[in-house]
Every structure is written in structure tokens, then in C-alpha cells.
Amino acid sequence: MLTCKELVARSSDLLDEQLGWREKLALRRHLLLCRNCRRYLRQMRLTQATLRLLPESPSPDSERLADHLAELRRDSARR
């Protein structure tokens, strides 16, 4: 039986459909029994879907925002 730690280690391969049928079967069997791992995998799928929606290159606004946040952090560290 697969452990939770082993499932986490192979979860990216599962989501990317890079597992053989035996490994996939072992992961699915574990998921049937483990609510925490089902929740983890659901979060991984949501993260993957969210990342796909992001633009490939950062916009100029994001650079300005990052600079502004860094400046605020430096100011708060000085206080």
C-alpha cells in the first residue's frame, strides 16, 4: 500500500499523466482511502489550473508593484 508521503512525491507525475498504469492504479487506490490526499490532489489541480491562466511574461505593472512592495518592506524594516 502506498503511503501519503509516496503519493505526494508522485502527485506531479500523476497530474502530468506521466505514470504507468500500475503506479496510477496504486495512487488511485490510496486516494479512495485517504481523504487528506484527495484534498491535497484537489489543491494541486486548482493550483495547476490557476497557473495556466497567468500570462507567460510579467506585465510592466507587475514590475512596478514588486518594486513598490519591496520599498514598503524596506521602510517597515527601518522602523
N, C-alpha and C. Protein backbone atom coordinates (compact mmCIF):
# COMPACT_ATOMS: atom_id res chain seq x y z
N MET A 1 0.84 -1.19 0.00
CA MET A 1 0.00 0.00 0.00
C MET A 1 0.88 1.25 0.00
N LEU A 2 0.50 2.19 -0.80
CA LEU A 2 1.22 3.46 -0.95
C LEU A 2 1.01 4.33 0.28
N THR A 3 2.05 5.03 0.72
CA THR A 3 1.91 5.95 1.85
C THR A 3 1.56 7.35 1.33
N CYS A 4 1.13 8.20 2.23
CA CYS A 4 0.82 9.59 1.87
C CYS A 4 2.05 10.29 1.32
N LYS A 5 3.19 10.04 1.95
CA LYS A 5 4.44 10.66 1.51
C LYS A 5 4.78 10.24 0.08
N GLU A 6 4.57 8.98 -0.25
CA GLU A 6 4.83 8.49 -1.60
C GLU A 6 3.86 9.11 -2.60
N LEU A 7 2.60 9.28 -2.19
CA LEU A 7 1.63 9.90 -3.09
C LEU A 7 2.04 11.34 -3.39
N VAL A 8 2.44 12.08 -2.37
CA VAL A 8 2.86 13.46 -2.58
C VAL A 8 4.06 13.51 -3.54
N ALA A 9 4.99 12.60 -3.38
CA ALA A 9 6.18 12.57 -4.23
C ALA A 9 5.82 12.30 -5.69
N ARG A 10 4.74 11.57 -5.93
CA ARG A 10 4.36 11.21 -7.30
C ARG A 10 3.19 12.02 -7.84
N SER A 11 2.68 12.95 -7.06
CA SER A 11 1.48 13.68 -7.46
C SER A 11 1.68 14.50 -8.74
N SER A 12 2.84 15.12 -8.89
CA SER A 12 3.09 15.89 -10.11
C SER A 12 3.08 15.00 -11.34
N ASP A 13 3.68 13.83 -11.21
CA ASP A 13 3.68 12.89 -12.34
C ASP A 13 2.26 12.43 -12.66
N LEU A 14 1.44 12.26 -11.64
CA LEU A 14 0.04 11.88 -11.86
C LEU A 14 -0.69 12.98 -12.61
N LEU A 15 -0.54 14.22 -12.15
CA LEU A 15 -1.22 15.34 -12.81
C LEU A 15 -0.73 15.57 -14.23
N ASP A 16 0.54 15.29 -14.46
CA ASP A 16 1.10 15.46 -15.81
C ASP A 16 0.92 14.22 -16.68
N GLU A 17 0.22 13.23 -16.13
CA GLU A 17 -0.07 11.97 -16.84
C GLU A 17 1.20 11.28 -17.31
N GLN A 18 2.16 11.16 -16.41
CA GLN A 18 3.44 10.54 -16.73
C GLN A 18 3.67 9.25 -15.96
N LEU A 19 2.60 8.63 -15.49
CA LEU A 19 2.72 7.39 -14.73
C LEU A 19 2.24 6.21 -15.56
N GLY A 20 2.82 5.07 -15.27
CA GLY A 20 2.34 3.83 -15.87
C GLY A 20 1.04 3.41 -15.22
N TRP A 21 0.38 2.45 -15.79
CA TRP A 21 -0.94 2.07 -15.27
C TRP A 21 -0.86 1.47 -13.87
N ARG A 22 0.22 0.75 -13.55
CA ARG A 22 0.34 0.18 -12.20
C ARG A 22 0.50 1.27 -11.14
N GLU A 23 1.35 2.26 -11.44
CA GLU A 23 1.54 3.36 -10.49
C GLU A 23 0.26 4.16 -10.34
N LYS A 24 -0.41 4.40 -11.46
CA LYS A 24 -1.66 5.15 -11.43
C LYS A 24 -2.71 4.40 -10.61
N LEU A 25 -2.77 3.10 -10.76
CA LEU A 25 -3.71 2.28 -10.02
C LEU A 25 -3.41 2.34 -8.51
N ALA A 26 -2.13 2.27 -8.14
CA ALA A 26 -1.74 2.34 -6.73
C ALA A 26 -2.12 3.70 -6.13
N LEU A 27 -1.90 4.77 -6.89
CA LEU A 27 -2.26 6.10 -6.41
C LEU A 27 -3.77 6.24 -6.26
N ARG A 28 -4.50 5.75 -7.23
CA ARG A 28 -5.97 5.85 -7.16
C ARG A 28 -6.52 5.03 -5.99
N ARG A 29 -5.93 3.89 -5.74
CA ARG A 29 -6.37 3.07 -4.62
C ARG A 29 -6.13 3.81 -3.29
N HIS A 30 -4.97 4.44 -3.18
CA HIS A 30 -4.68 5.22 -1.97
C HIS A 30 -5.69 6.37 -1.84
N LEU A 31 -5.98 7.04 -2.95
CA LEU A 31 -6.91 8.17 -2.91
C LEU A 31 -8.31 7.75 -2.48
N LEU A 32 -8.70 6.54 -2.81
CA LEU A 32 -10.01 6.04 -2.37
C LEU A 32 -10.10 5.96 -0.86
N LEU A 33 -8.97 5.71 -0.22
CA LEU A 33 -8.95 5.50 1.23
C LEU A 33 -8.52 6.72 2.04
N CYS A 34 -7.90 7.68 1.41
CA CYS A 34 -7.28 8.79 2.16
C CYS A 34 -7.89 10.15 1.77
N ARG A 35 -8.70 10.68 2.66
CA ARG A 35 -9.36 11.96 2.40
C ARG A 35 -8.35 13.11 2.33
N ASN A 36 -7.32 13.07 3.16
CA ASN A 36 -6.32 14.15 3.15
C ASN A 36 -5.57 14.21 1.83
N CYS A 37 -5.24 13.07 1.27
CA CYS A 37 -4.54 13.06 -0.02
C CYS A 37 -5.47 13.49 -1.15
N ARG A 38 -6.75 13.15 -1.05
CA ARG A 38 -7.71 13.64 -2.06
C ARG A 38 -7.77 15.16 -2.02
N ARG A 39 -7.79 15.72 -0.80
CA ARG A 39 -7.81 17.17 -0.64
C ARG A 39 -6.52 17.78 -1.20
N TYR A 40 -5.39 17.16 -0.91
CA TYR A 40 -4.10 17.64 -1.41
C TYR A 40 -4.08 17.66 -2.94
N LEU A 41 -4.53 16.57 -3.54
CA LEU A 41 -4.52 16.48 -5.00
C LEU A 41 -5.49 17.49 -5.63
N ARG A 42 -6.62 17.71 -4.96
CA ARG A 42 -7.57 18.71 -5.45
C ARG A 42 -6.93 20.09 -5.43
N GLN A 43 -6.18 20.40 -4.36
CA GLN A 43 -5.48 21.69 -4.27
C GLN A 43 -4.40 21.80 -5.35
N MET A 44 -3.71 20.70 -5.61
CA MET A 44 -2.69 20.70 -6.67
C MET A 44 -3.33 20.98 -8.04
N ARG A 45 -4.47 20.36 -8.29
CA ARG A 45 -5.16 20.60 -9.57
C ARG A 45 -5.61 22.05 -9.69
N LEU A 46 -6.11 22.60 -8.62
CA LEU A 46 -6.53 24.00 -8.62
C LEU A 46 -5.34 24.92 -8.86
N THR A 47 -4.22 24.64 -8.22
CA THR A 47 -3.01 25.43 -8.41
C THR A 47 -2.54 25.35 -9.87
N GLN A 48 -2.55 24.15 -10.41
CA GLN A 48 -2.13 23.95 -11.79
C GLN A 48 -3.04 24.73 -12.75
N ALA A 49 -4.35 24.68 -12.52
CA ALA A 49 -5.29 25.41 -13.38
C ALA A 49 -5.09 26.92 -13.25
N THR A 50 -4.83 27.39 -12.05
CA THR A 50 -4.59 28.82 -11.83
C THR A 50 -3.33 29.28 -12.54
N LEU A 51 -2.28 28.49 -12.44
CA LEU A 51 -1.02 28.85 -13.10
C LEU A 51 -1.16 28.91 -14.61
N ARG A 52 -2.01 28.06 -15.16
CA ARG A 52 -2.23 28.09 -16.61
C ARG A 52 -2.89 29.39 -17.06
N LEU A 53 -3.64 30.02 -16.17
CA LEU A 53 -4.34 31.26 -16.51
C LEU A 53 -3.43 32.50 -16.45
N LEU A 54 -2.28 32.36 -15.80
CA LEU A 54 -1.37 33.50 -15.69
C LEU A 54 -0.71 33.80 -17.02
N PRO A 55 -0.43 35.08 -17.29
CA PRO A 55 0.30 35.40 -18.52
C PRO A 55 1.72 34.85 -18.47
N GLU A 56 2.24 34.55 -19.63
CA GLU A 56 3.58 33.95 -19.68
C GLU A 56 4.68 34.92 -19.31
N SER A 57 4.52 36.17 -19.70
CA SER A 57 5.55 37.15 -19.34
C SER A 57 4.92 38.19 -18.41
N PRO A 58 5.69 38.63 -17.43
CA PRO A 58 5.14 39.61 -16.48
C PRO A 58 4.85 40.94 -17.17
N SER A 59 3.79 41.58 -16.76
CA SER A 59 3.45 42.88 -17.33
C SER A 59 4.28 43.96 -16.65
N PRO A 60 4.41 45.11 -17.28
CA PRO A 60 5.17 46.21 -16.66
C PRO A 60 4.58 46.61 -15.31
N ASP A 61 3.27 46.50 -15.17
CA ASP A 61 2.63 46.84 -13.90
C ASP A 61 3.10 45.94 -12.77
N SER A 62 3.33 44.67 -13.07
CA SER A 62 3.78 43.76 -12.01
C SER A 62 5.18 44.12 -11.54
N GLU A 63 6.02 44.62 -12.42
CA GLU A 63 7.36 45.08 -12.02
C GLU A 63 7.26 46.27 -11.08
N ARG A 64 6.39 47.21 -11.42
CA ARG A 64 6.19 48.38 -10.57
C ARG A 64 5.64 47.99 -9.21
N LEU A 65 4.70 47.06 -9.22
CA LEU A 65 4.12 46.58 -7.96
C LEU A 65 5.18 45.90 -7.10
N ALA A 66 6.02 45.07 -7.71
CA ALA A 66 7.08 44.39 -6.96
C ALA A 66 8.06 45.41 -6.37
N ASP A 67 8.41 46.43 -7.14
CA ASP A 67 9.30 47.48 -6.62
C ASP A 67 8.67 48.22 -5.45
N HIS A 68 7.40 48.53 -5.59
CA HIS A 68 6.69 49.25 -4.53
C HIS A 68 6.62 48.41 -3.26
N LEU A 69 6.31 47.13 -3.39
CA LEU A 69 6.24 46.24 -2.22
C LEU A 69 7.60 46.09 -1.55
N ALA A 70 8.65 46.02 -2.34
CA ALA A 70 10.00 45.93 -1.77
C ALA A 70 10.35 47.20 -1.01
N GLU A 71 9.95 48.34 -1.55
CA GLU A 71 10.21 49.60 -0.87
C GLU A 71 9.43 49.68 0.44
N LEU A 72 8.18 49.25 0.44
CA LEU A 72 7.40 49.23 1.68
C LEU A 72 8.02 48.31 2.72
N ARG A 73 8.53 47.17 2.27
CA ARG A 73 9.16 46.23 3.20
C ARG A 73 10.43 46.84 3.81
N ARG A 74 11.22 47.51 2.97
CA ARG A 74 12.43 48.16 3.49
C ARG A 74 12.07 49.25 4.50
N ASP A 75 11.02 50.03 4.19
CA ASP A 75 10.59 51.10 5.11
C ASP A 75 10.12 50.54 6.45
N SER A 76 9.39 49.43 6.40
CA SER A 76 8.89 48.86 7.65
C SER A 76 10.02 48.21 8.46
N ALA A 77 11.07 47.74 7.79
CA ALA A 77 12.21 47.15 8.50
C ALA A 77 13.03 48.23 9.21
N ARG A 78 13.02 49.43 8.68
CA ARG A 78 13.78 50.53 9.29
C ARG A 78 13.13 51.02 10.57
N ARG A 79 11.86 50.82 10.71
CA ARG A 79 11.13 51.34 11.89
C ARG A 79 11.30 50.50 13.09
